[in-house]
């Protein structure tokens, strides 16, 4: 029976996430114990308490700190099954050749109807601006 438990622990320690979690718990618990012991010893020296009282209060404070640490440790939120989530970026179905031609013709018509007149208007504006600038420069040279 003991061999099965050891094998289970070894298999759990192989997982780096579990190992990291255990190391964190142990290291923080040791820090809490060291800080608690220092605080208790200083308080005991200042209050001139008995050794039994100091030991009992130290053990109690460390156990409460460790209990709160374990209870407040963030737990991993279980991930949802990717098959149940709605796929936000679903790939569109490939278009048939007829649909592709229809979409392309529609895009060309939109360019011809909307983009081409706006582009022509912008080019005319640039040409007029350049013409005005040249007339102004010619007037300045004349003066």
C-alpha atoms as a PDB file:
ATOM      1  CA  UNK A   1       0.000   0.000   0.000  1.00  0.00           C
ATOM      2  CA  UNK A   2       2.837   2.409   0.853  1.00  0.00           C
ATOM      3  CA  UNK A   3       4.524   1.699  -2.492  1.00  0.00           C
ATOM      4  CA  UNK A   4       1.396   2.852  -4.352  1.00  0.00           C
ATOM      5  CA  UNK A   5       1.377   6.148  -2.456  1.00  0.00           C
ATOM      6  CA  UNK A   6       5.054   6.758  -3.205  1.00  0.00           C
ATOM      7  CA  UNK A   7       4.481   6.059  -6.899  1.00  0.00           C
ATOM      8  CA  UNK A   8       1.553   8.463  -6.908  1.00  0.00           C
ATOM      9  CA  UNK A   9       3.677  11.187  -5.304  1.00  0.00           C
ATOM     10  CA  UNK A  10       6.485  10.608  -7.788  1.00  0.00           C
ATOM     11  CA  UNK A  11       4.099  10.875 -10.713  1.00  0.00           C
ATOM     12  CA  UNK A  12       2.644  14.081  -9.283  1.00  0.00           C
ATOM     13  CA  UNK A  13       6.139  15.549  -8.766  1.00  0.00           C
ATOM     14  CA  UNK A  14       6.952  14.946 -12.427  1.00  0.00           C
ATOM     15  CA  UNK A  15       4.340  17.525 -13.383  1.00  0.00           C
ATOM     16  CA  UNK A  16       6.209  20.883 -13.322  1.00  0.00           C
ATOM     17  CA  UNK A  17       3.077  22.845 -12.432  1.00  0.00           C
ATOM     18  CA  UNK A  18       2.389  20.719  -9.339  1.00  0.00           C
ATOM     19  CA  UNK A  19       6.063  20.836  -8.325  1.00  0.00           C
ATOM     20  CA  UNK A  20       6.091  24.625  -8.662  1.00  0.00           C
ATOM     21  CA  UNK A  21       2.891  24.884  -6.578  1.00  0.00           C
ATOM     22  CA  UNK A  22       4.354  22.720  -3.801  1.00  0.00           C
ATOM     23  CA  UNK A  23       7.636  24.647  -3.757  1.00  0.00           C
ATOM     24  CA  UNK A  24       5.749  27.930  -3.463  1.00  0.00           C
ATOM     25  CA  UNK A  25       3.619  26.667  -0.605  1.00  0.00           C
ATOM     26  CA  UNK A  26       6.614  25.324   1.300  1.00  0.00           C
ATOM     27  CA  UNK A  27       8.771  28.413   0.751  1.00  0.00           C
ATOM     28  CA  UNK A  28       6.044  30.860   1.778  1.00  0.00           C
ATOM     29  CA  UNK A  29       5.181  28.693   4.779  1.00  0.00           C
ATOM     30  CA  UNK A  30       8.826  28.756   5.884  1.00  0.00           C
ATOM     31  CA  UNK A  31       8.917  32.542   5.503  1.00  0.00           C
ATOM     32  CA  UNK A  32       5.728  32.863   7.557  1.00  0.00           C
ATOM     33  CA  UNK A  33       7.148  30.582  10.238  1.00  0.00           C
ATOM     34  CA  UNK A  34      10.412  32.544  10.419  1.00  0.00           C
ATOM     35  CA  UNK A  35       8.665  35.923  10.625  1.00  0.00           C
ATOM     36  CA  UNK A  36       6.149  34.640  13.142  1.00  0.00           C
ATOM     37  CA  UNK A  37       8.869  33.126  15.301  1.00  0.00           C
ATOM     38  CA  UNK A  38      10.857  36.368  15.320  1.00  0.00           C
ATOM     39  CA  UNK A  39       7.778  38.398  16.225  1.00  0.00           C
ATOM     40  CA  UNK A  40       6.796  35.976  19.001  1.00  0.00           C
ATOM     41  CA  UNK A  41      10.316  35.934  20.468  1.00  0.00           C
ATOM     42  CA  UNK A  42      10.522  39.726  20.491  1.00  0.00           C
ATOM     43  CA  UNK A  43       7.076  39.994  22.074  1.00  0.00           C
ATOM     44  CA  UNK A  44       7.957  37.326  24.633  1.00  0.00           C
ATOM     45  CA  UNK A  45      11.170  39.098  25.595  1.00  0.00           C
ATOM     46  CA  UNK A  46       9.394  42.441  25.955  1.00  0.00           C
ATOM     47  CA  UNK A  47       6.448  41.006  27.902  1.00  0.00           C
ATOM     48  CA  UNK A  48       8.574  38.585  29.966  1.00  0.00           C
ATOM     49  CA  UNK A  49       6.325  35.634  29.222  1.00  0.00           C
ATOM     50  CA  UNK A  50       6.875  32.003  30.177  1.00  0.00           C
ATOM     51  CA  UNK A  51       8.473  29.622  27.658  1.00  0.00           C
ATOM     52  CA  UNK A  52       5.340  27.471  27.394  1.00  0.00           C
ATOM     53  CA  UNK A  53       3.199  30.502  26.601  1.00  0.00           C
ATOM     54  CA  UNK A  54       5.656  31.645  23.923  1.00  0.00           C
ATOM     55  CA  UNK A  55       5.788  28.222  22.303  1.00  0.00           C
ATOM     56  CA  UNK A  56       1.989  27.832  22.325  1.00  0.00           C
ATOM     57  CA  UNK A  57       1.374  31.277  20.852  1.00  0.00           C
ATOM     58  CA  UNK A  58       4.057  30.706  18.199  1.00  0.00           C
ATOM     59  CA  UNK A  59       2.579  27.405  17.085  1.00  0.00           C
ATOM     60  CA  UNK A  60      -0.930  28.871  17.081  1.00  0.00           C
ATOM     61  CA  UNK A  61       0.036  31.937  15.049  1.00  0.00           C
ATOM     62  CA  UNK A  62       1.999  29.902  12.492  1.00  0.00           C
ATOM     63  CA  UNK A  63      -0.822  27.374  12.091  1.00  0.00           C
ATOM     64  CA  UNK A  64      -3.388  30.156  11.603  1.00  0.00           C
ATOM     65  CA  UNK A  65      -1.127  31.881   9.074  1.00  0.00           C
ATOM     66  CA  UNK A  66      -0.545  28.635   7.191  1.00  0.00           C
ATOM     67  CA  UNK A  67      -4.279  27.806   7.196  1.00  0.00           C
ATOM     68  CA  UNK A  68      -5.149  31.241   5.815  1.00  0.00           C
ATOM     69  CA  UNK A  69      -2.383  30.941   3.225  1.00  0.00           C
ATOM     70  CA  UNK A  70      -3.681  27.602   1.960  1.00  0.00           C
ATOM     71  CA  UNK A  71      -7.316  28.756   1.956  1.00  0.00           C
ATOM     72  CA  UNK A  72      -6.562  31.997   0.118  1.00  0.00           C
ATOM     73  CA  UNK A  73      -4.204  30.434  -2.462  1.00  0.00           C
ATOM     74  CA  UNK A  74      -5.600  31.115  -5.945  1.00  0.00           C
ATOM     75  CA  UNK A  75      -7.041  28.035  -7.550  1.00  0.00           C
ATOM     76  CA  UNK A  76      -6.962  27.346 -11.230  1.00  0.00           C
ATOM     77  CA  UNK A  77     -10.248  28.082 -12.956  1.00  0.00           C
ATOM     78  CA  UNK A  78     -11.342  25.078 -14.986  1.00  0.00           C
ATOM     79  CA  UNK A  79     -11.147  25.787 -18.675  1.00  0.00           C
ATOM     80  CA  UNK A  80     -14.204  25.329 -20.790  1.00  0.00           C
ATOM     81  CA  UNK A  81     -14.288  22.655 -23.403  1.00  0.00           C
ATOM     82  CA  UNK A  82     -13.192  24.268 -26.689  1.00  0.00           C
ATOM     83  CA  UNK A  83     -15.909  22.339 -28.520  1.00  0.00           C
ATOM     84  CA  UNK A  84     -18.649  24.044 -26.506  1.00  0.00           C
ATOM     85  CA  UNK A  85     -17.335  27.598 -26.896  1.00  0.00           C
ATOM     86  CA  UNK A  86     -18.653  29.581 -29.823  1.00  0.00           C
ATOM     87  CA  UNK A  87     -15.804  30.037 -32.251  1.00  0.00           C
ATOM     88  CA  UNK A  88     -15.480  33.808 -32.667  1.00  0.00           C
ATOM     89  CA  UNK A  89     -13.002  33.658 -35.536  1.00  0.00           C
ATOM     90  CA  UNK A  90     -14.538  30.868 -37.559  1.00  0.00           C
ATOM     91  CA  UNK A  91     -12.994  30.441 -40.977  1.00  0.00           C
ATOM     92  CA  UNK A  92     -15.387  31.314 -43.794  1.00  0.00           C
ATOM     93  CA  UNK A  93     -16.365  28.595 -46.214  1.00  0.00           C
ATOM     94  CA  UNK A  94     -14.479  28.677 -49.484  1.00  0.00           C
ATOM     95  CA  UNK A  95     -16.419  30.409 -52.243  1.00  0.00           C
ATOM     96  CA  UNK A  96     -17.540  28.630 -55.345  1.00  0.00           C
ATOM     97  CA  UNK A  97     -16.095  29.986 -58.607  1.00  0.00           C
ATOM     98  CA  UNK A  98     -19.446  31.545 -59.508  1.00  0.00           C
ATOM     99  CA  UNK A  99     -19.775  33.259 -56.116  1.00  0.00           C
ATOM    100  CA  UNK A 100     -16.165  34.449 -56.347  1.00  0.00           C
ATOM    101  CA  UNK A 101     -16.851  36.071 -59.744  1.00  0.00           C
ATOM    102  CA  UNK A 102     -20.028  37.691 -58.406  1.00  0.00           C
ATOM    103  CA  UNK A 103     -18.187  39.116 -55.349  1.00  0.00           C
ATOM    104  CA  UNK A 104     -15.356  40.386 -57.534  1.00  0.00           C
ATOM    105  CA  UNK A 105     -17.756  42.100 -59.949  1.00  0.00           C
ATOM    106  CA  UNK A 106     -19.562  43.722 -57.016  1.00  0.00           C
ATOM    107  CA  UNK A 107     -16.254  44.995 -55.577  1.00  0.00           C
ATOM    108  CA  UNK A 108     -15.210  46.431 -58.930  1.00  0.00           C
ATOM    109  CA  UNK A 109     -18.565  48.162 -59.295  1.00  0.00           C
ATOM    110  CA  UNK A 110     -18.240  49.712 -55.818  1.00  0.00           C
ATOM    111  CA  UNK A 111     -14.750  50.951 -56.692  1.00  0.00           C
ATOM    112  CA  UNK A 112     -16.020  52.388 -59.959  1.00  0.00           C
ATOM    113  CA  UNK A 113     -19.072  54.037 -58.373  1.00  0.00           C
ATOM    114  CA  UNK A 114     -17.683  55.235 -55.041  1.00  0.00           C
ATOM    115  CA  UNK A 115     -13.890  55.261 -54.886  1.00  0.00           C
ATOM    116  CA  UNK A 116     -13.074  56.497 -58.383  1.00  0.00           C
ATOM    117  CA  UNK A 117     -15.108  59.754 -58.145  1.00  0.00           C
ATOM    118  CA  UNK A 118     -13.671  60.502 -54.681  1.00  0.00           C
ATOM    119  CA  UNK A 119     -10.148  59.851 -55.937  1.00  0.00           C
ATOM    120  CA  UNK A 120     -10.713  62.064 -58.964  1.00  0.00           C
ATOM    121  CA  UNK A 121     -12.054  64.845 -56.740  1.00  0.00           C
ATOM    122  CA  UNK A 122      -9.010  64.590 -54.461  1.00  0.00           C
ATOM    123  CA  UNK A 123      -6.628  64.730 -57.439  1.00  0.00           C
ATOM    124  CA  UNK A 124      -8.450  67.795 -58.821  1.00  0.00           C
ATOM    125  CA  UNK A 125      -8.111  69.433 -55.409  1.00  0.00           C
ATOM    126  CA  UNK A 126      -4.353  68.782 -55.332  1.00  0.00           C
ATOM    127  CA  UNK A 127      -3.969  70.151 -58.868  1.00  0.00           C
ATOM    128  CA  UNK A 128      -5.947  73.304 -58.020  1.00  0.00           C
ATOM    129  CA  UNK A 129      -3.892  73.807 -54.871  1.00  0.00           C
ATOM    130  CA  UNK A 130      -0.661  73.454 -56.843  1.00  0.00           C
ATOM    131  CA  UNK A 131      -1.958  75.848 -59.505  1.00  0.00           C
ATOM    132  CA  UNK A 132      -2.865  78.434 -56.847  1.00  0.00           C
ATOM    133  CA  UNK A 133       0.558  78.020 -55.251  1.00  0.00           C
ATOM    134  CA  UNK A 134       2.288  78.529 -58.585  1.00  0.00           C
ATOM    135  CA  UNK A 135       0.214  81.653 -59.345  1.00  0.00           C
ATOM    136  CA  UNK A 136       1.096  83.046 -55.933  1.00  0.00           C
ATOM    137  CA  UNK A 137       4.794  82.321 -56.437  1.00  0.00           C
ATOM    138  CA  UNK A 138       4.672  83.970 -59.883  1.00  0.00           C
ATOM    139  CA  UNK A 139       3.067  87.090 -58.373  1.00  0.00           C
ATOM    140  CA  UNK A 140       5.762  87.253 -55.695  1.00  0.00           C
ATOM    141  CA  UNK A 141       8.492  87.100 -58.355  1.00  0.00           C
ATOM    142  CA  UNK A 142       6.795  89.864 -60.311  1.00  0.00           C
ATOM    143  CA  UNK A 143       6.842  92.258 -57.367  1.00  0.00           C
END
